Amino acid sequence: IIEEADEVAGEVDDNSVLDAALIAAAQAVEH
């Protein structure tokens, strides 16, 4: 889960989109 989040976050240039990706990653961890 953490590795996937790192990969996705590394591919996002737009800060707003990065925030959405960070929430998705955090929710995967929470679940």
PDB file of all heavy atoms in Angstrom:
ATOM      1  N   ILE A   1       0.844  -1.199   0.000  1.00  0.00           N
ATOM      2  CA  ILE A   1       0.000   0.000   0.000  1.00  0.00           C
ATOM      3  C   ILE A   1       0.879   1.250   0.000  1.00  0.00           C
ATOM      4  O   ILE A   1       0.637   2.198  -0.755  1.00  0.00           O
ATOM      5  CB  ILE A   1      -0.968  -0.012   1.206  1.00  0.00           C
ATOM      6  CG1 ILE A   1      -2.025  -1.107   1.026  1.00  0.00           C
ATOM      7  CG2 ILE A   1      -1.631   1.357   1.383  1.00  0.00           C
ATOM      8  CD1 ILE A   1      -2.866  -1.381   2.274  1.00  0.00           C
ATOM      9  N   ILE A   2       1.912   1.252   0.828  1.00  0.00           N
ATOM     10  CA  ILE A   2       2.810   2.411   0.914  1.00  0.00           C
ATOM     11  C   ILE A   2       3.607   2.573  -0.379  1.00  0.00           C
ATOM     12  O   ILE A   2       3.765   3.685  -0.894  1.00  0.00           O
ATOM     13  CB  ILE A   2       3.734   2.284   2.147  1.00  0.00           C
ATOM     14  CG1 ILE A   2       2.901   2.444   3.432  1.00  0.00           C
ATOM     15  CG2 ILE A   2       4.863   3.307   2.095  1.00  0.00           C
ATOM     16  CD1 ILE A   2       3.649   2.112   4.711  1.00  0.00           C
ATOM     17  N   GLU A   3       4.082   1.480  -0.931  1.00  0.00           N
ATOM     18  CA  GLU A   3       4.837   1.531  -2.183  1.00  0.00           C
ATOM     19  C   GLU A   3       3.970   2.075  -3.319  1.00  0.00           C
ATOM     20  O   GLU A   3       4.415   2.921  -4.098  1.00  0.00           O
ATOM     21  CB  GLU A   3       5.364   0.141  -2.545  1.00  0.00           C
ATOM     22  CG  GLU A   3       6.195   0.113  -3.807  1.00  0.00           C
ATOM     23  CD  GLU A   3       6.690  -1.286  -4.146  1.00  0.00           C
ATOM     24  OE1 GLU A   3       6.847  -2.114  -3.228  1.00  0.00           O
ATOM     25  OE2 GLU A   3       6.895  -1.547  -5.358  1.00  0.00           O
ATOM     26  N   GLU A   4       2.741   1.602  -3.400  1.00  0.00           N
ATOM     27  CA  GLU A   4       1.831   2.091  -4.439  1.00  0.00           C
ATOM     28  C   GLU A   4       1.564   3.582  -4.265  1.00  0.00           C
ATOM     29  O   GLU A   4       1.562   4.341  -5.239  1.00  0.00           O
ATOM     30  CB  GLU A   4       0.513   1.320  -4.393  1.00  0.00           C
ATOM     31  CG  GLU A   4      -0.477   1.786  -5.450  1.00  0.00           C
ATOM     32  CD  GLU A   4      -1.811   1.049  -5.376  1.00  0.00           C
ATOM     33  OE1 GLU A   4      -2.134   0.488  -4.312  1.00  0.00           O
ATOM     34  OE2 GLU A   4      -2.525   1.074  -6.385  1.00  0.00           O
ATOM     35  N   ALA A   5       1.357   4.014  -3.039  1.00  0.00           N
ATOM     36  CA  ALA A   5       1.121   5.439  -2.773  1.00  0.00           C
ATOM     37  C   ALA A   5       2.318   6.276  -3.202  1.00  0.00           C
ATOM     38  O   ALA A   5       2.151   7.349  -3.807  1.00  0.00           O
ATOM     39  CB  ALA A   5       0.822   5.649  -1.295  1.00  0.00           C
ATOM     40  N   ASP A   6       3.522   5.798  -2.916  1.00  0.00           N
ATOM     41  CA  ASP A   6       4.740   6.504  -3.325  1.00  0.00           C
ATOM     42  C   ASP A   6       4.823   6.624  -4.840  1.00  0.00           C
ATOM     43  O   ASP A   6       5.171   7.682  -5.374  1.00  0.00           O
ATOM     44  CB  ASP A   6       5.982   5.765  -2.823  1.00  0.00           C
ATOM     45  CG  ASP A   6       6.442   6.221  -1.465  1.00  0.00           C
ATOM     46  OD1 ASP A   6       5.913   7.220  -0.952  1.00  0.00           O
ATOM     47  OD2 ASP A   6       7.342   5.562  -0.911  1.00  0.00           O
ATOM     48  N   GLU A   7       4.512   5.541  -5.541  1.00  0.00           N
ATOM     49  CA  GLU A   7       4.573   5.541  -6.996  1.00  0.00           C
ATOM     50  C   GLU A   7       3.570   6.523  -7.586  1.00  0.00           C
ATOM     51  O   GLU A   7       3.905   7.312  -8.464  1.00  0.00           O
ATOM     52  CB  GLU A   7       4.326   4.138  -7.547  1.00  0.00           C
ATOM     53  CG  GLU A   7       5.482   3.199  -7.342  1.00  0.00           C
ATOM     54  CD  GLU A   7       5.193   1.789  -7.822  1.00  0.00           C
ATOM     55  OE1 GLU A   7       4.209   1.581  -8.567  1.00  0.00           O
ATOM     56  OE2 GLU A   7       5.960   0.884  -7.437  1.00  0.00           O
ATOM     57  N   VAL A   8       2.339   6.482  -7.087  1.00  0.00           N
ATOM     58  CA  VAL A   8       1.296   7.374  -7.605  1.00  0.00           C
ATOM     59  C   VAL A   8       1.652   8.824  -7.302  1.00  0.00           C
ATOM     60  O   VAL A   8       1.576   9.689  -8.173  1.00  0.00           O
ATOM     61  CB  VAL A   8      -0.092   7.005  -7.041  1.00  0.00           C
ATOM     62  CG1 VAL A   8      -1.119   8.064  -7.387  1.00  0.00           C
ATOM     63  CG2 VAL A   8      -0.535   5.650  -7.586  1.00  0.00           C
ATOM     64  N   ALA A   9       2.061   9.097  -6.066  1.00  0.00           N
ATOM     65  CA  ALA A   9       2.398  10.467  -5.673  1.00  0.00           C
ATOM     66  C   ALA A   9       3.554  11.005  -6.505  1.00  0.00           C
ATOM     67  O   ALA A   9       3.583  12.191  -6.830  1.00  0.00           O
ATOM     68  CB  ALA A   9       2.734  10.524  -4.186  1.00  0.00           C
ATOM     69  N   GLY A  10       4.480  10.144  -6.863  1.00  0.00           N
ATOM     70  CA  GLY A  10       5.617  10.562  -7.677  1.00  0.00           C
ATOM     71  C   GLY A  10       5.246  10.911  -9.104  1.00  0.00           C
ATOM     72  O   GLY A  10       6.009  11.577  -9.798  1.00  0.00           O
ATOM     73  N   GLU A  11       4.077  10.485  -9.541  1.00  0.00           N
ATOM     74  CA  GLU A  11       3.637  10.727 -10.912  1.00  0.00           C
ATOM     75  C   GLU A  11       2.720  11.936 -11.039  1.00  0.00           C
ATOM     76  O   GLU A  11       2.325  12.296 -12.133  1.00  0.00           O
ATOM     77  CB  GLU A  11       2.904   9.485 -11.439  1.00  0.00           C
ATOM     78  CG  GLU A  11       3.793   8.263 -11.535  1.00  0.00           C
ATOM     79  CD  GLU A  11       3.025   6.998 -11.909  1.00  0.00           C
ATOM     80  OE1 GLU A  11       1.827   7.067 -12.210  1.00  0.00           O
ATOM     81  OE2 GLU A  11       3.651   5.921 -11.889  1.00  0.00           O
ATOM     82  N   VAL A  12       2.360  12.583  -9.929  1.00  0.00           N
ATOM     83  CA  VAL A  12       1.386  13.667  -9.937  1.00  0.00           C
ATOM     84  C   VAL A  12       2.099  15.006  -9.818  1.00  0.00           C
ATOM     85  O   VAL A  12       2.866  15.224  -8.870  1.00  0.00           O
ATOM     86  CB  VAL A  12       0.366  13.502  -8.778  1.00  0.00           C
ATOM     87  CG1 VAL A  12      -0.611  14.661  -8.748  1.00  0.00           C
ATOM     88  CG2 VAL A  12      -0.376  12.181  -8.907  1.00  0.00           C
ATOM     89  N   ASP A  13       1.829  15.905 -10.778  1.00  0.00           N
ATOM     90  CA  ASP A  13       2.443  17.232 -10.761  1.00  0.00           C
ATOM     91  C   ASP A  13       1.552  18.277 -10.110  1.00  0.00           C
ATOM     92  O   ASP A  13       2.039  19.195  -9.467  1.00  0.00           O
ATOM     93  CB  ASP A  13       2.780  17.687 -12.184  1.00  0.00           C
ATOM     94  CG  ASP A  13       3.888  16.856 -12.809  1.00  0.00           C
ATOM     95  OD1 ASP A  13       4.774  16.394 -12.064  1.00  0.00           O
ATOM     96  OD2 ASP A  13       3.870  16.671 -14.039  1.00  0.00           O
ATOM     97  N   ASP A  14       0.252  18.153 -10.274  1.00  0.00           N
ATOM     98  CA  ASP A  14      -0.702  19.142  -9.761  1.00  0.00           C
ATOM     99  C   ASP A  14      -0.938  18.912  -8.266  1.00  0.00           C
ATOM    100  O   ASP A  14      -1.302  17.811  -7.852  1.00  0.00           O
ATOM    101  CB  ASP A  14      -2.014  19.016 -10.542  1.00  0.00           C
ATOM    102  CG  ASP A  14      -3.051  20.009 -10.116  1.00  0.00           C
ATOM    103  OD1 ASP A  14      -3.682  19.788  -9.054  1.00  0.00           O
ATOM    104  OD2 ASP A  14      -3.250  21.007 -10.836  1.00  0.00           O
ATOM    105  N   ASN A  15      -0.734  19.952  -7.448  1.00  0.00           N
ATOM    106  CA  ASN A  15      -0.866  19.810  -5.993  1.00  0.00           C
ATOM    107  C   ASN A  15      -2.260  19.377  -5.554  1.00  0.00           C
ATOM    108  O   ASN A  15      -2.399  18.605  -4.612  1.00  0.00           O
ATOM    109  CB  ASN A  15      -0.482  21.112  -5.290  1.00  0.00           C
ATOM    110  CG  ASN A  15       1.012  21.316  -5.246  1.00  0.00           C
ATOM    111  OD1 ASN A  15       1.790  20.379  -5.422  1.00  0.00           O
ATOM    112  ND2 ASN A  15       1.431  22.551  -5.023  1.00  0.00           N
ATOM    113  N   SER A  16      -3.297  19.868  -6.220  1.00  0.00           N
ATOM    114  CA  SER A  16      -4.665  19.486  -5.842  1.00  0.00           C
ATOM    115  C   SER A  16      -4.925  18.016  -6.137  1.00  0.00           C
ATOM    116  O   SER A  16      -5.565  17.322  -5.349  1.00  0.00           O
ATOM    117  CB  SER A  16      -5.686  20.359  -6.585  1.00  0.00           C
ATOM    118  OG  SER A  16      -5.548  21.704  -6.195  1.00  0.00           O
ATOM    119  N   VAL A  17      -4.411  17.557  -7.260  1.00  0.00           N
ATOM    120  CA  VAL A  17      -4.552  16.143  -7.613  1.00  0.00           C
ATOM    121  C   VAL A  17      -3.705  15.288  -6.661  1.00  0.00           C
ATOM    122  O   VAL A  17      -4.137  14.213  -6.229  1.00  0.00           O
ATOM    123  CB  VAL A  17      -4.169  15.902  -9.090  1.00  0.00           C
ATOM    124  CG1 VAL A  17      -4.206  14.412  -9.433  1.00  0.00           C
ATOM    125  CG2 VAL A  17      -5.109  16.683 -10.012  1.00  0.00           C
ATOM    126  N   LEU A  18      -2.535  15.788  -6.301  1.00  0.00           N
ATOM    127  CA  LEU A  18      -1.690  15.073  -5.340  1.00  0.00           C
ATOM    128  C   LEU A  18      -2.414  14.919  -4.003  1.00  0.00           C
ATOM    129  O   LEU A  18      -2.383  13.847  -3.398  1.00  0.00           O
ATOM    130  CB  LEU A  18      -0.358  15.800  -5.146  1.00  0.00           C
ATOM    131  CG  LEU A  18       0.602  15.177  -4.125  1.00  0.00           C
ATOM    132  CD1 LEU A  18       0.947  13.730  -4.485  1.00  0.00           C
ATOM    133  CD2 LEU A  18       1.866  16.021  -4.020  1.00  0.00           C
ATOM    134  N   ASP A  19      -3.098  15.979  -3.555  1.00  0.00           N
ATOM    135  CA  ASP A  19      -3.860  15.882  -2.307  1.00  0.00           C
ATOM    136  C   ASP A  19      -4.926  14.791  -2.394  1.00  0.00           C
ATOM    137  O   ASP A  19      -5.112  14.018  -1.451  1.00  0.00           O
ATOM    138  CB  ASP A  19      -4.515  17.226  -1.960  1.00  0.00           C
ATOM    139  CG  ASP A  19      -3.521  18.246  -1.431  1.00  0.00           C
ATOM    140  OD1 ASP A  19      -2.395  17.864  -1.043  1.00  0.00           O
ATOM    141  OD2 ASP A  19      -3.887  19.438  -1.401  1.00  0.00           O
ATOM    142  N   ALA A  20      -5.605  14.704  -3.527  1.00  0.00           N
ATOM    143  CA  ALA A  20      -6.623  13.656  -3.707  1.00  0.00           C
ATOM    144  C   ALA A  20      -5.973  12.269  -3.672  1.00  0.00           C
ATOM    145  O   ALA A  20      -6.510  11.335  -3.059  1.00  0.00           O
ATOM    146  CB  ALA A  20      -7.380  13.862  -5.012  1.00  0.00           C
ATOM    147  N   ALA A  21      -4.800  12.148  -4.294  1.00  0.00           N
ATOM    148  CA  ALA A  21      -4.080  10.868  -4.288  1.00  0.00           C
ATOM    149  C   ALA A  21      -3.618  10.513  -2.870  1.00  0.00           C
ATOM    150  O   ALA A  21      -3.674   9.346  -2.468  1.00  0.00           O
ATOM    151  CB  ALA A  21      -2.877  10.937  -5.234  1.00  0.00           C
ATOM    152  N   LEU A  22      -3.188  11.507  -2.107  1.00  0.00           N
ATOM    153  CA  LEU A  22      -2.753  11.257  -0.732  1.00  0.00           C
ATOM    154  C   LEU A  22      -3.909  10.774   0.134  1.00  0.00           C
ATOM    155  O   LEU A  22      -3.738   9.872   0.958  1.00  0.00           O
ATOM    156  CB  LEU A  22      -2.129  12.523  -0.135  1.00  0.00           C
ATOM    157  CG  LEU A  22      -0.769  12.930  -0.696  1.00  0.00           C
ATOM    158  CD1 LEU A  22      -0.374  14.310  -0.184  1.00  0.00           C
ATOM    159  CD2 LEU A  22       0.301  11.894  -0.369  1.00  0.00           C
ATOM    160  N   ILE A  23      -5.086  11.360  -0.067  1.00  0.00           N
ATOM    161  CA  ILE A  23      -6.260  10.901   0.691  1.00  0.00           C
ATOM    162  C   ILE A  23      -6.584   9.459   0.321  1.00  0.00           C
ATOM    163  O   ILE A  23      -6.852   8.629   1.198  1.00  0.00           O
ATOM    164  CB  ILE A  23      -7.470  11.817   0.477  1.00  0.00           C
ATOM    165  CG1 ILE A  23      -7.252  13.146   1.216  1.00  0.00           C
ATOM    166  CG2 ILE A  23      -8.760  11.145   0.975  1.00  0.00           C
ATOM    167  CD1 ILE A  23      -8.361  14.173   1.008  1.00  0.00           C
ATOM    168  N   ALA A  24      -6.550   9.150  -0.961  1.00  0.00           N
ATOM    169  CA  ALA A  24      -6.843   7.778  -1.396  1.00  0.00           C
ATOM    170  C   ALA A  24      -5.853   6.798  -0.769  1.00  0.00           C
ATOM    171  O   ALA A  24      -6.244   5.722  -0.300  1.00  0.00           O
ATOM    172  CB  ALA A  24      -6.797   7.691  -2.919  1.00  0.00           C
ATOM    173  N   ALA A  25      -4.584   7.168  -0.744  1.00  0.00           N
ATOM    174  CA  ALA A  25      -3.561   6.301  -0.142  1.00  0.00           C
ATOM    175  C   ALA A  25      -3.807   6.149   1.353  1.00  0.00           C
ATOM    176  O   ALA A  25      -3.722   5.036   1.892  1.00  0.00           O
ATOM    177  CB  ALA A  25      -2.173   6.886  -0.398  1.00  0.00           C
ATOM    178  N   ALA A  26      -4.115   7.253   2.021  1.00  0.00           N
ATOM    179  CA  ALA A  26      -4.364   7.200   3.463  1.00  0.00           C
ATOM    180  C   ALA A  26      -5.576   6.336   3.769  1.00  0.00           C
ATOM    181  O   ALA A  26      -5.582   5.588   4.757  1.00  0.00           O
ATOM    182  CB  ALA A  26      -4.566   8.615   4.014  1.00  0.00           C
ATOM    183  N   GLN A  27      -6.599   6.398   2.922  1.00  0.00           N
ATOM    184  CA  GLN A  27      -7.780   5.577   3.166  1.00  0.00           C
ATOM    185  C   GLN A  27      -7.499   4.102   2.919  1.00  0.00           C
ATOM    186  O   GLN A  27      -8.052   3.248   3.620  1.00  0.00           O
ATOM    187  CB  GLN A  27      -8.965   6.073   2.343  1.00  0.00           C
ATOM    188  CG  GLN A  27      -9.521   7.359   2.939  1.00  0.00           C
ATOM    189  CD  GLN A  27     -10.842   7.740   2.356  1.00  0.00           C
ATOM    190  OE1 GLN A  27     -10.924   8.117   1.189  1.00  0.00           O
ATOM    191  NE2 GLN A  27     -11.874   7.647   3.169  1.00  0.00           N
ATOM    192  N   ALA A  28      -6.631   3.787   1.984  1.00  0.00           N
ATOM    193  CA  ALA A  28      -6.250   2.384   1.794  1.00  0.00           C
ATOM    194  C   ALA A  28      -5.586   1.854   3.068  1.00  0.00           C
ATOM    195  O   ALA A  28      -5.869   0.737   3.514  1.00  0.00           O
ATOM    196  CB  ALA A  28      -5.315   2.245   0.592  1.00  0.00           C
ATOM    197  N   VAL A  29      -4.735   2.684   3.668  1.00  0.00           N
ATOM    198  CA  VAL A  29      -4.094   2.312   4.930  1.00  0.00           C
ATOM    199  C   VAL A  29      -5.146   2.148   6.027  1.00  0.00           C
ATOM    200  O   VAL A  29      -5.138   1.165   6.772  1.00  0.00           O
ATOM    201  CB  VAL A  29      -3.035   3.366   5.338  1.00  0.00           C
ATOM    202  CG1 VAL A  29      -2.566   3.145   6.766  1.00  0.00           C
ATOM    203  CG2 VAL A  29      -1.860   3.331   4.376  1.00  0.00           C
ATOM    204  N   GLU A  30      -6.056   3.113   6.136  1.00  0.00           N
ATOM    205  CA  GLU A  30      -7.099   3.050   7.171  1.00  0.00           C
ATOM    206  C   GLU A  30      -7.936   1.783   7.034  1.00  0.00           C
ATOM    207  O   GLU A  30      -8.249   1.135   8.025  1.00  0.00           O
ATOM    208  CB  GLU A  30      -8.006   4.280   7.108  1.00  0.00           C
ATOM    209  CG  GLU A  30      -7.340   5.577   7.489  1.00  0.00           C
ATOM    210  CD  GLU A  30      -6.668   5.540   8.842  1.00  0.00           C
ATOM    211  OE1 GLU A  30      -7.285   5.078   9.824  1.00  0.00           O
ATOM    212  OE2 GLU A  30      -5.506   5.970   8.930  1.00  0.00           O
ATOM    213  N   HIS A  31      -8.301   1.435   5.818  1.00  0.00           N
ATOM    214  CA  HIS A  31      -9.144   0.258   5.611  1.00  0.00           C
ATOM    215  C   HIS A  31      -8.400  -1.018   6.019  1.00  0.00           C
ATOM    216  O   HIS A  31      -8.994  -1.934   6.601  1.00  0.00           O
ATOM    217  CB  HIS A  31      -9.623   0.186   4.168  1.00  0.00           C
ATOM    218  CG  HIS A  31     -10.548   1.308   3.820  1.00  0.00           C
ATOM    219  ND1 HIS A  31     -11.034   1.504   2.561  1.00  0.00           N
ATOM    220  CD2 HIS A  31     -11.069   2.314   4.577  1.00  0.00           C
ATOM    221  CE1 HIS A  31     -11.817   2.575   2.549  1.00  0.00           C
ATOM    222  NE2 HIS A  31     -11.838   3.075   3.771  1.00  0.00           N
TER     223      HIS A  31
END
